[in-house]
Amino acid sequence: MVAVKRLVLDILKPHQPNALEFSRSIAAVGADYRVRLTVIEVDENTETLQMMIEGSAIDFEAVQSSITDMGGSLHSIDEVEVQSEPDAG
């Protein structure tokens, strides 16, 4: 099995929810997710973010769904770290 350990994402989101609420919601997707969010640019209606997520096995689809549910849109995956792990059994 290959586990996703770290993602760096480029995200466009509306001003609300704010950066803290947005980060908390993403962190809540996984039991051990650590999130670092940097606001790169702000315009009249949106904010461009760089978000780094670390965890033992990140569920990318769940993260992407959470971003969309909060009105955001994933522009790109800028960095990925994965690790091969032995299958249990």
N, C-alpha and C. Protein backbone atom coordinates (compact mmCIF):
# COMPACT_ATOMS: atom_id res chain seq x y z
N MET A 1 0.84 -1.18 0.00
CA MET A 1 0.00 0.00 0.00
C MET A 1 0.90 1.25 0.00
N VAL A 2 0.47 2.25 -0.70
CA VAL A 2 1.20 3.52 -0.73
C VAL A 2 0.35 4.57 -0.01
N ALA A 3 0.93 5.19 1.00
CA ALA A 3 0.21 6.19 1.80
C ALA A 3 0.70 7.59 1.43
N VAL A 4 -0.25 8.53 1.30
CA VAL A 4 0.09 9.93 1.07
C VAL A 4 0.42 10.55 2.42
N LYS A 5 1.62 11.09 2.55
CA LYS A 5 2.09 11.66 3.82
C LYS A 5 2.02 13.18 3.85
N ARG A 6 2.20 13.81 2.65
CA ARG A 6 2.20 15.28 2.62
C ARG A 6 1.70 15.75 1.26
N LEU A 7 0.89 16.81 1.30
CA LEU A 7 0.39 17.47 0.10
C LEU A 7 0.58 18.97 0.24
N VAL A 8 0.95 19.63 -0.85
CA VAL A 8 0.95 21.08 -0.91
C VAL A 8 -0.01 21.45 -2.05
N LEU A 9 -1.06 22.19 -1.71
CA LEU A 9 -2.13 22.49 -2.65
C LEU A 9 -2.25 23.99 -2.89
N ASP A 10 -2.62 24.35 -4.10
CA ASP A 10 -2.95 25.73 -4.48
C ASP A 10 -4.47 25.79 -4.57
N ILE A 11 -5.08 26.64 -3.73
CA ILE A 11 -6.53 26.68 -3.58
C ILE A 11 -7.04 28.10 -3.75
N LEU A 12 -8.17 28.24 -4.41
CA LEU A 12 -8.89 29.51 -4.50
C LEU A 12 -10.16 29.35 -3.68
N LYS A 13 -10.41 30.30 -2.75
CA LYS A 13 -11.61 30.22 -1.92
C LYS A 13 -12.23 31.60 -1.73
N PRO A 14 -13.53 31.65 -1.41
CA PRO A 14 -14.14 32.93 -1.06
C PRO A 14 -13.60 33.41 0.28
N HIS A 15 -13.86 34.67 0.64
CA HIS A 15 -13.37 35.22 1.89
C HIS A 15 -13.90 34.48 3.12
N GLN A 16 -15.11 33.95 3.02
CA GLN A 16 -15.70 33.19 4.12
C GLN A 16 -15.87 31.75 3.69
N PRO A 17 -15.48 30.77 4.45
CA PRO A 17 -14.94 30.89 5.80
C PRO A 17 -13.54 31.50 5.80
N ASN A 18 -13.17 32.08 6.94
CA ASN A 18 -11.85 32.69 7.03
C ASN A 18 -10.77 31.60 7.06
N ALA A 19 -9.51 32.02 7.02
CA ALA A 19 -8.39 31.07 6.92
C ALA A 19 -8.35 30.10 8.10
N LEU A 20 -8.64 30.57 9.30
CA LEU A 20 -8.61 29.69 10.47
C LEU A 20 -9.70 28.63 10.39
N GLU A 21 -10.93 29.04 10.08
CA GLU A 21 -12.04 28.09 9.96
C GLU A 21 -11.78 27.09 8.83
N PHE A 22 -11.24 27.58 7.71
CA PHE A 22 -10.94 26.73 6.57
C PHE A 22 -9.91 25.67 6.96
N SER A 23 -8.85 26.09 7.64
CA SER A 23 -7.79 25.17 8.08
C SER A 23 -8.32 24.13 9.07
N ARG A 24 -9.13 24.57 10.00
CA ARG A 24 -9.70 23.65 10.99
C ARG A 24 -10.56 22.59 10.32
N SER A 25 -11.34 22.99 9.35
CA SER A 25 -12.20 22.04 8.65
C SER A 25 -11.39 21.00 7.89
N ILE A 26 -10.30 21.42 7.27
CA ILE A 26 -9.44 20.48 6.55
C ILE A 26 -8.74 19.55 7.55
N ALA A 27 -8.25 20.10 8.65
CA ALA A 27 -7.58 19.27 9.67
C ALA A 27 -8.53 18.23 10.25
N ALA A 28 -9.82 18.56 10.36
CA ALA A 28 -10.80 17.64 10.93
C ALA A 28 -11.12 16.47 10.01
N VAL A 29 -10.71 16.52 8.76
CA VAL A 29 -10.97 15.43 7.81
C VAL A 29 -10.23 14.16 8.25
N GLY A 30 -9.04 14.30 8.82
CA GLY A 30 -8.27 13.14 9.27
C GLY A 30 -7.96 13.22 10.74
N ALA A 31 -7.70 12.06 11.33
CA ALA A 31 -7.46 12.00 12.78
C ALA A 31 -6.15 12.66 13.19
N ASP A 32 -5.16 12.68 12.28
CA ASP A 32 -3.85 13.20 12.65
C ASP A 32 -3.32 14.24 11.66
N TYR A 33 -4.22 14.94 10.96
CA TYR A 33 -3.78 15.89 9.94
C TYR A 33 -3.21 17.15 10.58
N ARG A 34 -2.10 17.58 10.05
CA ARG A 34 -1.49 18.86 10.43
C ARG A 34 -1.58 19.75 9.20
N VAL A 35 -2.11 20.96 9.37
CA VAL A 35 -2.36 21.87 8.25
C VAL A 35 -1.63 23.18 8.45
N ARG A 36 -0.97 23.63 7.40
CA ARG A 36 -0.36 24.97 7.39
C ARG A 36 -0.91 25.69 6.18
N LEU A 37 -1.52 26.84 6.42
CA LEU A 37 -2.15 27.61 5.35
C LEU A 37 -1.47 28.97 5.24
N THR A 38 -1.14 29.36 4.01
CA THR A 38 -0.58 30.67 3.73
C THR A 38 -1.47 31.37 2.72
N VAL A 39 -1.92 32.57 3.05
CA VAL A 39 -2.70 33.37 2.10
C VAL A 39 -1.70 34.05 1.17
N ILE A 40 -1.79 33.74 -0.12
CA ILE A 40 -0.85 34.25 -1.11
C ILE A 40 -1.34 35.57 -1.72
N GLU A 41 -2.65 35.63 -1.97
CA GLU A 41 -3.21 36.80 -2.65
C GLU A 41 -4.66 36.98 -2.23
N VAL A 42 -5.09 38.22 -2.11
CA VAL A 42 -6.47 38.56 -1.78
C VAL A 42 -6.98 39.53 -2.82
N ASP A 43 -8.17 39.25 -3.36
CA ASP A 43 -8.80 40.24 -4.23
C ASP A 43 -10.19 40.54 -3.68
N GLU A 44 -11.01 41.19 -4.46
CA GLU A 44 -12.31 41.66 -3.98
C GLU A 44 -13.20 40.53 -3.46
N ASN A 45 -13.18 39.36 -4.13
CA ASN A 45 -14.09 38.28 -3.79
C ASN A 45 -13.44 37.00 -3.30
N THR A 46 -12.15 36.83 -3.56
CA THR A 46 -11.51 35.54 -3.28
C THR A 46 -10.13 35.70 -2.63
N GLU A 47 -9.62 34.56 -2.16
CA GLU A 47 -8.27 34.47 -1.61
C GLU A 47 -7.59 33.28 -2.28
N THR A 48 -6.34 33.45 -2.64
CA THR A 48 -5.52 32.35 -3.15
C THR A 48 -4.66 31.85 -1.99
N LEU A 49 -4.69 30.54 -1.77
CA LEU A 49 -4.01 29.94 -0.64
C LEU A 49 -3.00 28.90 -1.08
N GLN A 50 -1.96 28.75 -0.29
CA GLN A 50 -1.11 27.57 -0.39
C GLN A 50 -1.34 26.81 0.91
N MET A 51 -1.72 25.54 0.79
CA MET A 51 -2.02 24.74 1.96
C MET A 51 -1.15 23.50 1.97
N MET A 52 -0.46 23.27 3.08
CA MET A 52 0.33 22.07 3.28
C MET A 52 -0.40 21.20 4.29
N ILE A 53 -0.61 19.93 3.93
CA ILE A 53 -1.28 18.98 4.81
C ILE A 53 -0.33 17.81 5.04
N GLU A 54 -0.13 17.45 6.31
CA GLU A 54 0.69 16.29 6.65
C GLU A 54 -0.14 15.34 7.50
N GLY A 55 0.09 14.05 7.29
CA GLY A 55 -0.60 13.03 8.07
C GLY A 55 -0.05 11.66 7.73
N SER A 56 -0.47 10.65 8.49
CA SER A 56 0.05 9.30 8.27
C SER A 56 -0.52 8.66 7.00
N ALA A 57 -1.73 9.03 6.62
CA ALA A 57 -2.35 8.50 5.39
C ALA A 57 -3.46 9.47 4.97
N ILE A 58 -3.10 10.47 4.19
CA ILE A 58 -4.04 11.53 3.80
C ILE A 58 -5.02 10.98 2.77
N ASP A 59 -6.29 11.22 3.00
CA ASP A 59 -7.36 10.84 2.07
C ASP A 59 -7.61 12.04 1.15
N PHE A 60 -6.96 12.02 -0.01
CA PHE A 60 -7.03 13.16 -0.92
C PHE A 60 -8.46 13.47 -1.35
N GLU A 61 -9.24 12.44 -1.65
CA GLU A 61 -10.62 12.67 -2.10
C GLU A 61 -11.46 13.35 -1.02
N ALA A 62 -11.26 12.96 0.24
CA ALA A 62 -12.00 13.59 1.34
C ALA A 62 -11.56 15.04 1.53
N VAL A 63 -10.26 15.31 1.39
CA VAL A 63 -9.76 16.68 1.48
C VAL A 63 -10.36 17.53 0.36
N GLN A 64 -10.32 17.01 -0.86
CA GLN A 64 -10.86 17.73 -2.01
C GLN A 64 -12.35 18.01 -1.83
N SER A 65 -13.09 17.05 -1.31
CA SER A 65 -14.52 17.22 -1.06
C SER A 65 -14.77 18.31 -0.02
N SER A 66 -13.96 18.35 1.02
CA SER A 66 -14.10 19.37 2.05
C SER A 66 -13.83 20.77 1.49
N ILE A 67 -12.81 20.88 0.66
CA ILE A 67 -12.49 22.16 0.01
C ILE A 67 -13.69 22.64 -0.81
N THR A 68 -14.26 21.74 -1.60
CA THR A 68 -15.40 22.08 -2.45
C THR A 68 -16.62 22.45 -1.62
N ASP A 69 -16.86 21.70 -0.54
CA ASP A 69 -18.01 21.97 0.34
C ASP A 69 -17.95 23.36 0.96
N MET A 70 -16.74 23.91 1.13
CA MET A 70 -16.58 25.25 1.70
C MET A 70 -16.51 26.33 0.63
N GLY A 71 -16.79 25.98 -0.62
CA GLY A 71 -16.82 26.96 -1.70
C GLY A 71 -15.48 27.18 -2.37
N GLY A 72 -14.48 26.38 -2.01
CA GLY A 72 -13.16 26.54 -2.60
C GLY A 72 -12.99 25.69 -3.86
N SER A 73 -11.89 25.95 -4.55
CA SER A 73 -11.58 25.15 -5.72
C SER A 73 -10.08 24.87 -5.74
N LEU A 74 -9.75 23.61 -5.98
CA LEU A 74 -8.36 23.17 -6.02
C LEU A 74 -7.79 23.52 -7.39
N HIS A 75 -6.77 24.39 -7.41
CA HIS A 75 -6.13 24.78 -8.67
C HIS A 75 -5.06 23.79 -9.08
N SER A 76 -4.23 23.36 -8.12
CA SER A 76 -3.17 22.42 -8.46
C SER A 76 -2.65 21.73 -7.22
N ILE A 77 -2.03 20.58 -7.47
CA ILE A 77 -1.27 19.87 -6.45
C ILE A 77 0.18 20.22 -6.74
N ASP A 78 0.80 20.98 -5.84
CA ASP A 78 2.15 21.50 -6.09
C ASP A 78 3.26 20.60 -5.56
N GLU A 79 2.99 19.83 -4.51
CA GLU A 79 3.97 18.89 -3.97
C GLU A 79 3.23 17.69 -3.40
N VAL A 80 3.87 16.54 -3.50
CA VAL A 80 3.32 15.31 -2.95
C VAL A 80 4.45 14.51 -2.32
N GLU A 81 4.18 13.94 -1.16
CA GLU A 81 5.10 12.97 -0.56
C GLU A 81 4.30 11.72 -0.25
N VAL A 82 4.75 10.60 -0.79
CA VAL A 82 4.10 9.32 -0.54
C VAL A 82 5.12 8.34 0.00
N GLN A 83 4.63 7.29 0.67
CA GLN A 83 5.53 6.28 1.22
C GLN A 83 4.89 4.92 1.04
N SER A 84 5.68 4.00 0.52
CA SER A 84 5.23 2.62 0.39
C SER A 84 5.29 1.96 1.75
N GLU A 85 4.20 1.26 2.10
CA GLU A 85 4.14 0.59 3.38
C GLU A 85 3.80 -0.87 3.16
N PRO A 86 4.35 -1.76 3.98
CA PRO A 86 4.05 -3.19 3.82
C PRO A 86 2.57 -3.47 4.08
N ASP A 87 2.03 -4.38 3.31
CA ASP A 87 0.63 -4.77 3.52
C ASP A 87 0.51 -5.55 4.82
N ALA A 88 -0.54 -5.26 5.57
CA ALA A 88 -0.79 -6.00 6.82
C ALA A 88 -1.31 -7.40 6.47
N GLY A 89 -0.83 -8.38 7.18
CA GLY A 89 -1.40 -9.70 6.96
C GLY A 89 -0.42 -10.72 6.80
